[in-house]
């Protein structure tokens, strides 16, 4: 549609070589942020509308969701929920259900089947949080719990964690309701509320064990429970550099230092010099463990929410930064997260759009990555990854992984980082194979399943379904509608640069014709279909565009 085309043009305009890295003037930055907000508004509104339209076609008539329009205030609650930078511009969780029985449709936009913990928000759910129950499409119980309940914009907001198993490029349905009370407490006296007990800050599941320093909250240990090996040689932590720049000849055109990296002398360890504060400690809770802390130093504040979900090797760190120091003639502040490796890493394995790139150790300049950076072990297969869905500058130096988070240059924009800033990073033990890293990166980037709620009604679609499954050593770098007509475009890439890869595409919808096209979607040759399946062979490193009708 015209709206999407206009939004895409705004996104492409912001790819300009000064706007993209932020090395532009304040006026240009303000204009770029406005264009970004307009584009994201179109995308989020269109995505939410599409999910609701899709949900209307799902047959949910086997459930019972009493229609109580005069007694329910839920429908419409949550407009704009989680659509800001802090929550990574998620699709708005606007309520479309009512009563104590809610139907939730969860969508998986990745090429990999997902078995994970989903986060959903129910509005004006009046049941007892201690009696919440969840079920899959076959009526099997799912682990779930209420993570938080509060009043939000005159609505009762209930944040729920629930198990989810969703096919690749597919969706599933879950029922959440109030169950029977299963236990009663007859104790004469509750635990003594005058005694406050704190545990050591250890977060652990079946895959990883992470230990934080009890005093300053640096990550002192990360044990890969697959191998039993420690991956950190010393604490992983936030460090602040002040880059030193030559006063003459800095910058390409403007004379500023936004586009020129300086020399970084001794870093400031914020865990050692800052004032730490423990804000929340939930280390025994099912489905998700959580630790929240803050560090304050000379007016600069970092607030970190660390979470470890059951079944996931990723320690997630949601970072809020406020009043970052400004750059001046004494240097440019530069915040990084560093992870010294216990093993020797021969290279830094970085994520590219259709593959990977191994970079040599580099101390002076950052390299680019998308969703992950991995310290490639000199021996063995498993090592440590840092992950991010919004930070791209990285390096391997002194056998330490570095991920750049904030940098406050002072030219051409004098104050580029005033106010609040947010980012989300991760720490995970993993296998170093290309396919395992790609899956880990996609899992981190798409941590939040798009979802919509529903009521009981007839429809033509099943409770769970799949657009297409992709088997073989290929990645899917894009799924879109064709520029002309009503066809589906899939862009595949062979992740190996030395071996051909076979791929099998099984479609969950009737397909009448398939063809290979070039990047402009001009057909090159038809592809043979058999039983609604497509078998392909991709040459080493090949990118192939497939058109499906």
Foldseek 3Di string as FASTA:
>chain_A
DVLQVQLVVLVVVCVPPCNVLVQDAPVVVVVNVVSNVSSLVSVLVVVVVVQVVVVVFAFQQVDAADDDPPPWPQAQPQVPPLCDVLSPRFRTAGADGTEQKWKKKFFAAFQAWDWAKAKHKGKQNPADQVQKWKAWPVRHTWDKGFPDWDQDPNIIITIMIIIDTAGHQKMFMMMIGGHDDDDDDPDPDDPDPVDDDDDFPWADAQAWIWGADPALGFTAWIAGNVVRDTWFPGTWAKKKWFFADDQPPADDPFSFPSPPGGDTDDIHGQSVQWHKDWDDFARPDAQKGWTWMWTDDPRKIKIWIWMDGHPDQKTKIKIKIADDDADDNVGKMWMKTKTATPAAFQWKWAADLWAIDTHGADDGFWDFHAFWIWRHGPDDFKHKIKGWHPFTTWGQYPNMTITTDDIHICPPPHGSDHGMDITMMIMGMWTNDGVGVVVSRSCVNPVHTDMHMHRRDGHDHHNMFRAKHKDKQKGWSDWDAAPDDGKIKTKIWRHAQPAKMKMKIAGRDDWDWKFWAPPNRHGDGTFDDDPRMGIDIGHRGDIIMMITD
